[in-house]
């Protein structure tokens, strides 16, 4: 009689999977589970204007990524259910089956790709620094930021944090934990600059006249932006990739980007 041996690592991993995730595997995967439940759970941070933010009046989510998620739900014939998360625990929430997919303006990185699945990109972004008007003359070049005595703020768990560590090793990195934001530290005078995306910097400099973008014509780290889903569900990922492709071809992302000032 032949015996099937399950590798110890695989057996241990199966014990760590949440019960709902195991049920999804047994019943044909996440896509079928979403259709059966009549809802799709969307993880979002609500702190990244114009991508995902809360309307002060209604406390409901708004933004580019929120409208994209709502369109996905309509196309699937299910209701969207938004689940609050933060940048530090974004992937942990996927792994713990707290939500099915992440729509919050995530850029792709190697570290994230080792722990979660990315869809094909829907757009691209790059990084530029922000500082205050009184400090703008202090930083004439990128190298001027990479100096001892310069403190650069980033939010914990973001790709900007990794970029500052690698590109500005001489500067002091100040990590800011959600729900606080790095640009609030800048407005408060507790950091000299922050690292922002081209997308968010455009919004922040309009909203706060004391903030200015540096080197807007020299963005660094051009990087694709994509939605995130759990690992080990190729059927669901294939569906999401097909959805992104179809919606890009229909002009949906171009129109959405124009509405929210996001270049795709």
Protein backbone atom coordinates (compact mmCIF):
# COMPACT_ATOMS: atom_id res chain seq x y z
CA UNK A 1 0.00 0.00 0.00
CA UNK A 2 1.46 3.36 -1.04
CA UNK A 3 1.64 6.14 1.51
CA UNK A 4 1.51 9.79 0.57
CA UNK A 5 3.86 11.93 2.61
CA UNK A 6 3.02 15.60 3.07
CA UNK A 7 6.13 17.77 3.57
CA UNK A 8 6.37 19.09 7.10
CA UNK A 9 6.49 22.73 5.94
CA UNK A 10 3.34 22.31 3.86
CA UNK A 11 1.53 20.60 6.71
CA UNK A 12 2.52 23.34 9.12
CA UNK A 13 1.40 26.03 6.67
CA UNK A 14 -2.01 24.40 6.28
CA UNK A 15 -2.52 24.56 10.04
CA UNK A 16 -1.91 28.32 9.94
CA UNK A 17 -4.52 29.01 7.26
CA UNK A 18 -7.69 30.64 8.58
CA UNK A 19 -10.74 28.38 8.59
CA UNK A 20 -12.51 30.49 5.97
CA UNK A 21 -9.50 30.25 3.64
CA UNK A 22 -9.48 26.45 4.00
CA UNK A 23 -13.18 26.37 3.24
CA UNK A 24 -12.59 28.47 0.13
CA UNK A 25 -9.97 26.03 -1.09
CA UNK A 26 -12.31 23.10 -0.49
CA UNK A 27 -15.23 24.81 -2.25
CA UNK A 28 -13.44 25.92 -5.39
CA UNK A 29 -11.49 28.98 -4.36
CA UNK A 30 -12.01 32.59 -3.44
CA UNK A 31 -13.79 33.59 -6.63
CA UNK A 32 -16.55 31.06 -6.03
CA UNK A 33 -16.71 31.96 -2.35
CA UNK A 34 -17.21 35.65 -3.21
CA UNK A 35 -19.97 34.83 -5.65
CA UNK A 36 -21.67 32.54 -3.14
CA UNK A 37 -21.47 35.15 -0.37
CA UNK A 38 -22.69 37.94 -2.64
CA UNK A 39 -19.96 40.29 -1.41
CA UNK A 40 -16.31 41.10 -1.95
CA UNK A 41 -14.26 42.33 1.01
CA UNK A 42 -11.89 45.14 0.05
CA UNK A 43 -9.01 46.17 2.29
CA UNK A 44 -8.27 49.89 2.14
CA UNK A 45 -6.34 52.36 4.28
CA UNK A 46 -8.51 55.46 3.88
CA UNK A 47 -5.52 57.77 4.33
CA UNK A 48 -4.20 58.26 0.78
CA UNK A 49 -5.97 61.12 -0.99
CA UNK A 50 -6.94 60.96 -3.87
CA UNK A 51 -6.70 57.14 -3.87
CA UNK A 52 -8.56 56.11 -0.71
CA UNK A 53 -9.80 58.54 1.92
CA UNK A 54 -12.76 59.13 4.20
CA UNK A 55 -15.25 61.90 3.43
CA UNK A 56 -15.23 64.15 6.54
CA UNK A 57 -18.98 64.70 6.30
CA UNK A 58 -20.19 61.13 5.78
CA UNK A 59 -17.16 59.09 6.99
CA UNK A 60 -17.63 56.94 3.91
CA UNK A 61 -14.71 55.98 1.69
CA UNK A 62 -14.01 57.95 -1.47
CA UNK A 63 -11.30 58.12 -4.10
CA UNK A 64 -9.83 56.56 -7.22
CA UNK A 65 -9.35 53.13 -5.67
CA UNK A 66 -12.77 53.15 -4.03
CA UNK A 67 -14.51 53.78 -7.34
CA UNK A 68 -12.37 51.07 -8.97
CA UNK A 69 -13.41 48.61 -6.24
CA UNK A 70 -17.06 49.56 -6.62
CA UNK A 71 -16.80 48.94 -10.36
CA UNK A 72 -15.24 45.54 -9.74
CA UNK A 73 -18.11 44.63 -7.41
CA UNK A 74 -20.71 45.77 -9.98
CA UNK A 75 -19.03 43.75 -12.70
CA UNK A 76 -19.07 40.68 -10.43
CA UNK A 77 -22.68 41.23 -9.39
CA UNK A 78 -21.79 41.41 -5.69
CA UNK A 79 -21.72 44.17 -3.08
CA UNK A 80 -18.48 45.83 -1.98
CA UNK A 81 -17.61 45.64 1.71
CA UNK A 82 -14.75 47.94 2.70
CA UNK A 83 -12.48 46.78 5.52
CA UNK A 84 -10.22 49.30 7.28
CA UNK A 85 -6.52 48.44 7.37
CA UNK A 86 -3.20 50.30 7.51
CA UNK A 87 0.07 50.17 5.60
CA UNK A 88 1.95 48.27 8.30
CA UNK A 89 -0.57 45.40 8.41
CA UNK A 90 -1.77 45.48 4.81
CA UNK A 91 -0.39 42.06 3.88
CA UNK A 92 -1.11 40.58 7.31
CA UNK A 93 -4.79 41.27 6.70
CA UNK A 94 -4.68 39.37 3.40
CA UNK A 95 -2.91 36.44 5.02
CA UNK A 96 -5.41 36.39 7.89
CA UNK A 97 -8.33 36.40 5.42
CA UNK A 98 -9.69 39.71 6.70
CA UNK A 99 -10.36 40.84 3.12
CA UNK A 100 -10.25 39.35 -0.37
CA UNK A 101 -8.31 42.04 -2.21
CA UNK A 102 -6.53 45.34 -1.54
CA UNK A 103 -7.57 48.55 -3.31
CA UNK A 104 -5.74 51.48 -1.71
CA UNK A 105 -3.05 52.64 -4.17
CA UNK A 106 -0.34 50.04 -3.59
CA UNK A 107 2.84 50.13 -5.62
CA UNK A 108 4.62 46.90 -6.41
CA UNK A 109 7.75 45.80 -4.57
CA UNK A 110 9.79 42.62 -4.35
CA UNK A 111 9.16 42.30 -0.62
CA UNK A 112 5.39 42.57 -1.07
CA UNK A 113 5.42 40.17 -4.01
CA UNK A 114 6.97 37.50 -1.79
CA UNK A 115 3.98 37.65 0.57
CA UNK A 116 1.02 38.52 -1.67
CA UNK A 117 -0.11 38.27 -5.28
CA UNK A 118 -0.15 41.37 -7.48
CA UNK A 119 -2.46 41.84 -10.43
CA UNK A 120 -1.07 43.20 -13.67
CA UNK A 121 -0.45 46.95 -13.21
CA UNK A 122 -3.26 49.42 -13.73
CA UNK A 123 -0.85 52.42 -13.66
CA UNK A 124 2.54 53.73 -12.61
CA UNK A 125 3.98 56.24 -10.18
CA UNK A 126 7.31 57.59 -8.96
CA UNK A 127 8.72 59.20 -5.82
CA UNK A 128 9.46 62.87 -5.16
CA UNK A 129 10.26 64.65 -1.90
CA UNK A 130 8.06 67.20 -0.17
CA UNK A 131 9.31 69.98 2.05
CA UNK A 132 8.09 73.32 3.38
CA UNK A 133 8.48 76.58 1.52
CA UNK A 134 10.98 77.92 4.04
CA UNK A 135 13.22 74.88 3.50
CA UNK A 136 12.87 74.58 -0.28
CA UNK A 137 16.10 76.48 -0.98
CA UNK A 138 18.01 74.11 1.28
CA UNK A 139 17.51 71.17 -1.07
CA UNK A 140 18.67 72.01 -4.57
CA UNK A 141 19.45 68.41 -5.57
CA UNK A 142 18.58 64.87 -4.54
CA UNK A 143 22.03 64.55 -2.99
CA UNK A 144 21.28 67.49 -0.70
CA UNK A 145 18.72 65.27 1.01
CA UNK A 146 21.26 62.50 1.51
CA UNK A 147 23.14 64.26 4.29
CA UNK A 148 23.65 63.85 8.00
CA UNK A 149 21.41 66.26 9.84
CA UNK A 150 18.53 65.81 7.39
CA UNK A 151 15.47 63.94 8.68
CA UNK A 152 13.15 62.37 6.12
CA UNK A 153 9.72 61.07 7.17
CA UNK A 154 7.87 58.13 5.67
CA UNK A 155 4.92 56.04 6.77
CA UNK A 156 5.76 52.67 8.26
CA UNK A 157 5.19 49.78 5.86
CA UNK A 158 5.20 51.81 2.63
CA UNK A 159 7.49 51.41 -0.36
CA UNK A 160 8.71 54.97 0.32
CA UNK A 161 10.23 53.70 3.58
CA UNK A 162 12.28 51.11 1.68
CA UNK A 163 13.30 53.69 -0.93
CA UNK A 164 14.63 56.20 1.63
CA UNK A 165 16.65 53.48 3.37
CA UNK A 166 18.32 52.55 0.08
CA UNK A 167 18.59 55.89 -1.74
CA UNK A 168 19.26 58.28 1.18
CA UNK A 169 21.34 56.21 3.62
CA UNK A 170 23.08 59.24 5.17
CA UNK A 171 19.79 60.92 6.13
CA UNK A 172 17.87 60.08 9.29
CA UNK A 173 14.70 58.11 8.57
CA UNK A 174 11.69 58.93 10.76
CA UNK A 175 9.02 56.24 10.53
CA UNK A 176 5.47 57.40 11.15
CA UNK A 177 2.85 54.87 12.17
CA UNK A 178 -0.73 55.04 10.89
CA UNK A 179 -3.18 56.66 11.36
CA UNK A 180 -0.69 59.57 11.58
CA UNK A 181 0.85 60.59 8.26
CA UNK A 182 4.38 61.64 7.39
CA UNK A 183 3.29 64.93 5.83
CA UNK A 184 1.68 65.89 9.15
CA UNK A 185 5.15 65.57 10.69
CA UNK A 186 6.43 67.89 7.96
CA UNK A 187 3.75 70.51 8.61
CA UNK A 188 4.54 70.24 12.33
CA UNK A 189 8.24 70.90 11.72
CA UNK A 190 9.37 67.53 13.07
CA UNK A 191 11.01 66.39 9.82
CA UNK A 192 12.85 68.29 7.08
CA UNK A 193 11.22 66.45 4.18
CA UNK A 194 9.00 63.50 3.39
CA UNK A 195 9.03 61.05 0.51
CA UNK A 196 5.79 61.07 -1.46
CA UNK A 197 4.39 59.62 -4.65
CA UNK A 198 3.85 61.90 -7.62
CA UNK A 199 0.14 61.19 -7.18
CA UNK A 200 -0.21 62.21 -3.54
CA UNK A 201 2.25 65.11 -3.80
CA UNK A 202 0.04 66.79 -6.41
CA UNK A 203 -2.91 66.64 -4.01
CA UNK A 204 -1.01 67.70 -0.89
CA UNK A 205 0.60 70.77 -2.46
CA UNK A 206 -2.84 71.96 -3.58
CA UNK A 207 -4.38 71.28 -0.19
CA UNK A 208 -1.55 72.75 1.93
CA UNK A 209 0.07 75.86 0.39
CA UNK A 210 3.07 75.62 2.75
CA UNK A 211 4.13 72.32 1.15
CA UNK A 212 6.18 72.22 -2.04
CA UNK A 213 7.30 69.36 -4.25
CA UNK A 214 10.99 68.97 -5.01
CA UNK A 215 12.42 67.67 -8.29
CA UNK A 216 9.01 67.12 -9.90
CA UNK A 217 10.82 66.70 -13.23
CA UNK A 218 13.19 64.13 -11.71
CA UNK A 219 11.00 61.49 -10.03
CA UNK A 220 12.86 58.46 -8.73
CA UNK A 221 11.96 54.81 -8.51
CA UNK A 222 9.36 54.54 -11.32
CA UNK A 223 7.19 51.71 -10.16
CA UNK A 224 4.00 49.94 -11.28
CA UNK A 225 0.83 50.22 -9.23
CA UNK A 226 -1.43 47.18 -8.90
CA UNK A 227 -4.08 45.55 -6.74
CA UNK A 228 -3.09 42.89 -4.22
CA UNK A 229 -4.70 39.52 -3.54
CA UNK A 230 -3.73 36.51 -1.41
CA UNK A 231 -1.12 34.02 -2.57
CA UNK A 232 -1.96 30.55 -3.85
CA UNK A 233 -5.23 31.28 -5.64
CA UNK A 234 -4.40 31.41 -9.37
CA UNK A 235 -8.08 31.27 -10.39
CA UNK A 236 -8.93 34.45 -8.50
CA UNK A 237 -5.76 36.19 -9.65
CA UNK A 238 -6.48 35.22 -13.27
CA UNK A 239 -9.95 36.72 -12.95
CA UNK A 240 -8.58 39.97 -11.50
CA UNK A 241 -5.99 40.21 -14.28
CA UNK A 242 -8.69 39.71 -16.88
CA UNK A 243 -10.82 42.39 -15.21
CA UNK A 244 -7.95 44.92 -15.21
CA UNK A 245 -7.25 44.17 -18.89
CA UNK A 246 -10.90 44.55 -19.89
CA UNK A 247 -11.36 47.76 -17.93
CA UNK A 248 -8.14 49.27 -19.30
CA UNK A 249 -9.31 48.51 -22.84
CA UNK A 250 -12.72 50.08 -22.13
CA UNK A 251 -11.10 53.36 -21.05
CA UNK A 252 -12.35 53.01 -17.48
CA UNK A 253 -8.97 53.59 -15.82
CA UNK A 254 -8.16 56.51 -18.11
CA UNK A 255 -11.47 58.20 -17.24
CA UNK A 256 -11.05 57.44 -13.55
CA UNK A 257 -7.53 58.86 -13.57
CA UNK A 258 -8.71 62.04 -15.26
CA UNK A 259 -11.46 62.48 -12.67
CA UNK A 260 -9.10 62.10 -9.69
CA UNK A 261 -5.98 63.67 -11.20
CA UNK A 262 -4.14 60.34 -11.34
CA UNK A 263 -1.95 59.62 -14.33
CA UNK A 264 -2.17 55.94 -15.28
